[in-house]
């Protein structure tokens, strides 16, 4: 009888724990707030400039910053140096749906790291930048088209107080 009760309790625990949500984000800094919203306006001098921070896009299966994205990073760096002096910058790497979850997590992290290194080269303090990967779990477009996939292969910028 004890074996049946123990087996029932064990099976119940397995069923309950199997319902947990899988967290697939990877962060290079455990102190970074994982909220998706940007920081409040009380510390930022010019919110219009901050709204013009652009995403950086990548080619399929690549993490090197494209030549056409170098100007985007330079512009973002200037804005971040002038207007977000008190903020922490989180660069979030994203991927399209092609590839395994593990591969896309790693690729997203490499994309975020490449953007971070480019920002540092433009004079943004390395201490202010953290990186995070969402892999394929944060799509902005879900259609099955090449254009949609291209929109998902990106690095986004979040500012935290």
C-alpha atoms as a PDB file:
ATOM      1  CA  UNK A   1       0.000   0.000   0.000  1.00  0.00           C
ATOM      2  CA  UNK A   2       2.855   2.375   0.867  1.00  0.00           C
ATOM      3  CA  UNK A   3       4.378   1.769  -2.581  1.00  0.00           C
ATOM      4  CA  UNK A   4       1.096   2.701  -4.297  1.00  0.00           C
ATOM      5  CA  UNK A   5       0.760   5.921  -2.268  1.00  0.00           C
ATOM      6  CA  UNK A   6       4.411   6.831  -2.905  1.00  0.00           C
ATOM      7  CA  UNK A   7       4.032   6.121  -6.624  1.00  0.00           C
ATOM      8  CA  UNK A   8       0.863   8.244  -6.747  1.00  0.00           C
ATOM      9  CA  UNK A   9       2.573  11.170  -4.990  1.00  0.00           C
ATOM     10  CA  UNK A  10       5.616  10.876  -7.263  1.00  0.00           C
ATOM     11  CA  UNK A  11       3.458  10.756 -10.392  1.00  0.00           C
ATOM     12  CA  UNK A  12       1.498  13.817  -9.197  1.00  0.00           C
ATOM     13  CA  UNK A  13       4.744  15.736  -8.571  1.00  0.00           C
ATOM     14  CA  UNK A  14       6.027  14.853 -12.043  1.00  0.00           C
ATOM     15  CA  UNK A  15       2.781  15.983 -13.665  1.00  0.00           C
ATOM     16  CA  UNK A  16       2.786  19.289 -11.767  1.00  0.00           C
ATOM     17  CA  UNK A  17       6.455  20.021 -12.486  1.00  0.00           C
ATOM     18  CA  UNK A  18       5.935  19.190 -16.158  1.00  0.00           C
ATOM     19  CA  UNK A  19       3.576  22.162 -16.469  1.00  0.00           C
ATOM     20  CA  UNK A  20       6.267  24.716 -15.742  1.00  0.00           C
ATOM     21  CA  UNK A  21       7.098  27.230 -18.450  1.00  0.00           C
ATOM     22  CA  UNK A  22      10.466  26.861 -20.163  1.00  0.00           C
ATOM     23  CA  UNK A  23      12.682  29.929 -19.802  1.00  0.00           C
ATOM     24  CA  UNK A  24      14.879  30.111 -22.876  1.00  0.00           C
ATOM     25  CA  UNK A  25      16.547  33.494 -22.477  1.00  0.00           C
ATOM     26  CA  UNK A  26      20.269  33.638 -21.833  1.00  0.00           C
ATOM     27  CA  UNK A  27      21.906  36.637 -20.235  1.00  0.00           C
ATOM     28  CA  UNK A  28      25.536  37.554 -19.794  1.00  0.00           C
ATOM     29  CA  UNK A  29      24.769  39.450 -16.602  1.00  0.00           C
ATOM     30  CA  UNK A  30      22.661  38.156 -13.763  1.00  0.00           C
ATOM     31  CA  UNK A  31      22.065  41.677 -12.429  1.00  0.00           C
ATOM     32  CA  UNK A  32      20.181  42.894 -15.485  1.00  0.00           C
ATOM     33  CA  UNK A  33      16.453  43.414 -15.169  1.00  0.00           C
ATOM     34  CA  UNK A  34      14.830  41.193 -17.770  1.00  0.00           C
ATOM     35  CA  UNK A  35      11.804  43.445 -18.228  1.00  0.00           C
ATOM     36  CA  UNK A  36      11.047  44.314 -21.823  1.00  0.00           C
ATOM     37  CA  UNK A  37      10.188  47.973 -21.265  1.00  0.00           C
ATOM     38  CA  UNK A  38      12.697  50.752 -21.451  1.00  0.00           C
ATOM     39  CA  UNK A  39      13.555  52.844 -18.435  1.00  0.00           C
ATOM     40  CA  UNK A  40      11.626  55.857 -17.195  1.00  0.00           C
ATOM     41  CA  UNK A  41      12.035  59.313 -18.636  1.00  0.00           C
ATOM     42  CA  UNK A  42      13.323  60.970 -15.462  1.00  0.00           C
ATOM     43  CA  UNK A  43      16.962  60.108 -16.227  1.00  0.00           C
ATOM     44  CA  UNK A  44      16.980  60.568 -19.975  1.00  0.00           C
ATOM     45  CA  UNK A  45      17.561  64.017 -21.368  1.00  0.00           C
ATOM     46  CA  UNK A  46      15.907  63.645 -24.771  1.00  0.00           C
ATOM     47  CA  UNK A  47      13.364  60.888 -25.253  1.00  0.00           C
ATOM     48  CA  UNK A  48      12.897  61.740 -28.943  1.00  0.00           C
ATOM     49  CA  UNK A  49      16.538  60.899 -29.606  1.00  0.00           C
ATOM     50  CA  UNK A  50      16.247  57.684 -27.630  1.00  0.00           C
ATOM     51  CA  UNK A  51      13.253  56.652 -29.724  1.00  0.00           C
ATOM     52  CA  UNK A  52      15.445  56.900 -32.806  1.00  0.00           C
ATOM     53  CA  UNK A  53      17.725  54.093 -31.602  1.00  0.00           C
ATOM     54  CA  UNK A  54      17.479  51.557 -34.407  1.00  0.00           C
ATOM     55  CA  UNK A  55      17.692  47.785 -34.461  1.00  0.00           C
ATOM     56  CA  UNK A  56      20.704  46.135 -36.062  1.00  0.00           C
ATOM     57  CA  UNK A  57      19.862  43.431 -38.603  1.00  0.00           C
ATOM     58  CA  UNK A  58      21.876  40.373 -39.582  1.00  0.00           C
ATOM     59  CA  UNK A  59      22.138  38.043 -42.532  1.00  0.00           C
ATOM     60  CA  UNK A  60      20.904  34.458 -42.312  1.00  0.00           C
ATOM     61  CA  UNK A  61      23.074  32.307 -40.025  1.00  0.00           C
ATOM     62  CA  UNK A  62      25.543  35.200 -39.431  1.00  0.00           C
ATOM     63  CA  UNK A  63      26.566  37.241 -36.438  1.00  0.00           C
ATOM     64  CA  UNK A  64      29.041  39.658 -38.008  1.00  0.00           C
ATOM     65  CA  UNK A  65      27.778  43.227 -38.275  1.00  0.00           C
ATOM     66  CA  UNK A  66      26.937  44.027 -41.893  1.00  0.00           C
ATOM     67  CA  UNK A  67      28.532  47.075 -43.530  1.00  0.00           C
ATOM     68  CA  UNK A  68      25.142  48.742 -43.964  1.00  0.00           C
ATOM     69  CA  UNK A  69      24.544  48.373 -40.196  1.00  0.00           C
ATOM     70  CA  UNK A  70      27.819  50.078 -39.188  1.00  0.00           C
ATOM     71  CA  UNK A  71      26.209  53.508 -39.665  1.00  0.00           C
ATOM     72  CA  UNK A  72      23.225  52.418 -37.559  1.00  0.00           C
ATOM     73  CA  UNK A  73      25.546  51.390 -34.734  1.00  0.00           C
ATOM     74  CA  UNK A  74      27.523  54.638 -35.016  1.00  0.00           C
ATOM     75  CA  UNK A  75      24.304  56.663 -34.819  1.00  0.00           C
ATOM     76  CA  UNK A  76      23.033  54.590 -31.867  1.00  0.00           C
ATOM     77  CA  UNK A  77      26.363  55.022 -30.074  1.00  0.00           C
ATOM     78  CA  UNK A  78      26.213  58.815 -30.423  1.00  0.00           C
ATOM     79  CA  UNK A  79      22.688  58.902 -29.035  1.00  0.00           C
ATOM     80  CA  UNK A  80      23.582  56.584 -26.157  1.00  0.00           C
ATOM     81  CA  UNK A  81      26.692  58.589 -25.234  1.00  0.00           C
ATOM     82  CA  UNK A  82      24.827  61.915 -25.260  1.00  0.00           C
ATOM     83  CA  UNK A  83      21.296  61.102 -24.119  1.00  0.00           C
ATOM     84  CA  UNK A  84      21.469  57.979 -21.959  1.00  0.00           C
ATOM     85  CA  UNK A  85      24.423  58.743 -19.740  1.00  0.00           C
ATOM     86  CA  UNK A  86      22.804  57.250 -16.626  1.00  0.00           C
ATOM     87  CA  UNK A  87      21.272  54.196 -18.270  1.00  0.00           C
ATOM     88  CA  UNK A  88      22.330  50.607 -18.540  1.00  0.00           C
ATOM     89  CA  UNK A  89      22.089  49.341 -22.104  1.00  0.00           C
ATOM     90  CA  UNK A  90      20.900  45.810 -22.803  1.00  0.00           C
ATOM     91  CA  UNK A  91      21.598  44.488 -26.292  1.00  0.00           C
ATOM     92  CA  UNK A  92      19.173  41.668 -27.057  1.00  0.00           C
ATOM     93  CA  UNK A  93      20.083  39.171 -29.779  1.00  0.00           C
ATOM     94  CA  UNK A  94      17.252  37.567 -31.755  1.00  0.00           C
ATOM     95  CA  UNK A  95      17.007  34.927 -34.485  1.00  0.00           C
ATOM     96  CA  UNK A  96      14.557  33.593 -37.022  1.00  0.00           C
ATOM     97  CA  UNK A  97      12.958  30.194 -36.451  1.00  0.00           C
ATOM     98  CA  UNK A  98      15.478  28.172 -38.494  1.00  0.00           C
ATOM     99  CA  UNK A  99      17.817  25.979 -36.469  1.00  0.00           C
ATOM    100  CA  UNK A 100      17.540  24.303 -33.078  1.00  0.00           C
ATOM    101  CA  UNK A 101      16.644  26.212 -29.927  1.00  0.00           C
ATOM    102  CA  UNK A 102      20.178  25.765 -28.603  1.00  0.00           C
ATOM    103  CA  UNK A 103      21.794  26.929 -31.835  1.00  0.00           C
ATOM    104  CA  UNK A 104      19.585  30.029 -31.984  1.00  0.00           C
ATOM    105  CA  UNK A 105      20.275  30.879 -28.333  1.00  0.00           C
ATOM    106  CA  UNK A 106      23.997  30.804 -29.062  1.00  0.00           C
ATOM    107  CA  UNK A 107      23.606  32.737 -32.329  1.00  0.00           C
ATOM    108  CA  UNK A 108      21.505  35.411 -30.612  1.00  0.00           C
ATOM    109  CA  UNK A 109      24.182  35.789 -27.945  1.00  0.00           C
ATOM    110  CA  UNK A 110      26.901  36.107 -30.609  1.00  0.00           C
ATOM    111  CA  UNK A 111      24.853  38.790 -32.385  1.00  0.00           C
ATOM    112  CA  UNK A 112      24.393  40.749 -29.172  1.00  0.00           C
ATOM    113  CA  UNK A 113      28.104  40.436 -28.395  1.00  0.00           C
ATOM    114  CA  UNK A 114      29.077  41.675 -31.867  1.00  0.00           C
ATOM    115  CA  UNK A 115      26.874  44.752 -31.420  1.00  0.00           C
ATOM    116  CA  UNK A 116      28.271  45.349 -27.928  1.00  0.00           C
ATOM    117  CA  UNK A 117      31.832  45.227 -29.271  1.00  0.00           C
ATOM    118  CA  UNK A 118      30.886  47.665 -32.045  1.00  0.00           C
ATOM    119  CA  UNK A 119      29.352  50.077 -29.521  1.00  0.00           C
ATOM    120  CA  UNK A 120      32.489  49.879 -27.387  1.00  0.00           C
ATOM    121  CA  UNK A 121      34.598  50.652 -30.470  1.00  0.00           C
ATOM    122  CA  UNK A 122      32.393  53.745 -30.951  1.00  0.00           C
ATOM    123  CA  UNK A 123      33.164  54.944 -27.408  1.00  0.00           C
ATOM    124  CA  UNK A 124      30.245  53.603 -25.361  1.00  0.00           C
ATOM    125  CA  UNK A 125      31.417  52.401 -21.947  1.00  0.00           C
ATOM    126  CA  UNK A 126      31.648  48.603 -21.751  1.00  0.00           C
ATOM    127  CA  UNK A 127      30.485  48.724 -18.125  1.00  0.00           C
ATOM    128  CA  UNK A 128      27.118  50.105 -19.233  1.00  0.00           C
ATOM    129  CA  UNK A 129      26.344  47.340 -21.739  1.00  0.00           C
ATOM    130  CA  UNK A 130      24.915  43.898 -21.014  1.00  0.00           C
ATOM    131  CA  UNK A 131      23.928  41.296 -23.561  1.00  0.00           C
ATOM    132  CA  UNK A 132      21.059  38.860 -23.685  1.00  0.00           C
ATOM    133  CA  UNK A 133      19.779  36.285 -26.159  1.00  0.00           C
ATOM    134  CA  UNK A 134      16.179  35.470 -26.896  1.00  0.00           C
ATOM    135  CA  UNK A 135      17.119  33.085 -29.690  1.00  0.00           C
ATOM    136  CA  UNK A 136      13.970  32.497 -31.731  1.00  0.00           C
ATOM    137  CA  UNK A 137      11.534  33.100 -28.843  1.00  0.00           C
ATOM    138  CA  UNK A 138      10.917  36.828 -29.449  1.00  0.00           C
ATOM    139  CA  UNK A 139       9.795  37.198 -33.072  1.00  0.00           C
ATOM    140  CA  UNK A 140       8.425  40.509 -34.354  1.00  0.00           C
ATOM    141  CA  UNK A 141       6.968  38.751 -37.394  1.00  0.00           C
ATOM    142  CA  UNK A 142       5.494  35.267 -37.603  1.00  0.00           C
ATOM    143  CA  UNK A 143       4.716  34.906 -41.301  1.00  0.00           C
ATOM    144  CA  UNK A 144       6.639  32.245 -43.188  1.00  0.00           C
ATOM    145  CA  UNK A 145       8.397  34.585 -45.619  1.00  0.00           C
ATOM    146  CA  UNK A 146      11.981  35.641 -46.240  1.00  0.00           C
ATOM    147  CA  UNK A 147      11.113  39.245 -45.415  1.00  0.00           C
ATOM    148  CA  UNK A 148       9.611  38.189 -42.094  1.00  0.00           C
ATOM    149  CA  UNK A 149      12.612  36.026 -41.233  1.00  0.00           C
ATOM    150  CA  UNK A 150      14.909  38.989 -41.983  1.00  0.00           C
ATOM    151  CA  UNK A 151      12.985  41.138 -39.469  1.00  0.00           C
ATOM    152  CA  UNK A 152      13.560  38.546 -36.759  1.00  0.00           C
ATOM    153  CA  UNK A 153      17.343  38.383 -37.285  1.00  0.00           C
ATOM    154  CA  UNK A 154      18.156  41.437 -35.209  1.00  0.00           C
ATOM    155  CA  UNK A 155      19.680  43.007 -32.134  1.00  0.00           C
ATOM    156  CA  UNK A 156      17.448  45.338 -30.139  1.00  0.00           C
ATOM    157  CA  UNK A 157      18.385  47.912 -27.525  1.00  0.00           C
ATOM    158  CA  UNK A 158      16.693  48.294 -24.144  1.00  0.00           C
ATOM    159  CA  UNK A 159      17.581  51.013 -21.658  1.00  0.00           C
ATOM    160  CA  UNK A 160      17.277  50.458 -17.923  1.00  0.00           C
ATOM    161  CA  UNK A 161      17.584  52.952 -15.093  1.00  0.00           C
END
